Protein backbone atom coordinates (compact mmCIF):
# COMPACT_ATOMS: atom_id res chain seq x y z
CA UNK A 1 0.00 0.00 0.00
CA UNK A 2 1.61 3.27 -1.15
CA UNK A 3 1.14 6.79 0.04
CA UNK A 4 -0.95 9.07 -2.15
CA UNK A 5 1.22 12.13 -2.63
CA UNK A 6 -0.36 15.56 -2.95
CA UNK A 7 0.59 19.20 -2.51
CA UNK A 8 0.53 20.25 1.14
CA UNK A 9 1.21 23.32 3.26
CA UNK A 10 3.35 22.84 6.35
CA UNK A 11 2.61 25.28 9.16
CA UNK A 12 5.42 26.04 11.65
CA UNK A 13 4.77 27.66 14.99
CA UNK A 14 7.02 30.48 16.24
CA UNK A 15 9.26 28.09 18.19
CA UNK A 16 9.74 25.85 15.15
CA UNK A 17 10.63 28.86 12.98
CA UNK A 18 13.11 30.07 15.60
CA UNK A 19 14.72 26.63 15.75
CA UNK A 20 14.94 26.44 11.96
CA UNK A 21 16.62 29.83 11.70
CA UNK A 22 19.09 28.93 14.47
CA UNK A 23 20.01 25.71 12.67
CA UNK A 24 20.58 27.62 9.44
CA UNK A 25 22.70 30.25 11.17
CA UNK A 26 24.81 27.62 12.95
CA UNK A 27 25.09 25.44 9.82
CA UNK A 28 24.50 22.41 12.08
CA UNK A 29 23.96 19.41 9.79
CA UNK A 30 23.08 16.98 12.60
CA UNK A 31 20.50 19.33 14.08
CA UNK A 32 19.11 20.00 10.59
CA UNK A 33 18.58 16.28 10.04
CA UNK A 34 16.87 15.89 13.43
CA UNK A 35 14.64 18.90 12.66
CA UNK A 36 13.62 17.46 9.30
CA UNK A 37 12.91 14.06 10.84
CA UNK A 38 11.20 15.22 14.04
CA UNK A 39 9.30 18.29 12.82
CA UNK A 40 8.95 18.51 9.05
CA UNK A 41 8.60 14.81 8.16
CA UNK A 42 6.13 14.32 11.01
CA UNK A 43 3.96 17.19 9.75
CA UNK A 44 4.17 15.94 6.15
CA UNK A 45 3.09 12.44 7.20
CA UNK A 46 0.20 13.87 9.21
CA UNK A 47 -0.92 15.99 6.25
CA UNK A 48 -0.92 12.94 3.96
CA UNK A 49 -3.10 10.85 6.27
CA UNK A 50 -6.63 10.28 4.99
CA UNK A 51 -9.17 12.30 6.93
């Protein structure tokens, strides 16, 4: 069973935006990966779930 891909909008709260900008400023690759996995990928998966 595959995932039906579609366009989505990912909403970040103020804390998530602050964390993203700090990661970018620090050029921290490990933290960037954790952010993508823990925040962005989680939100993408939630958005793709059937409602």
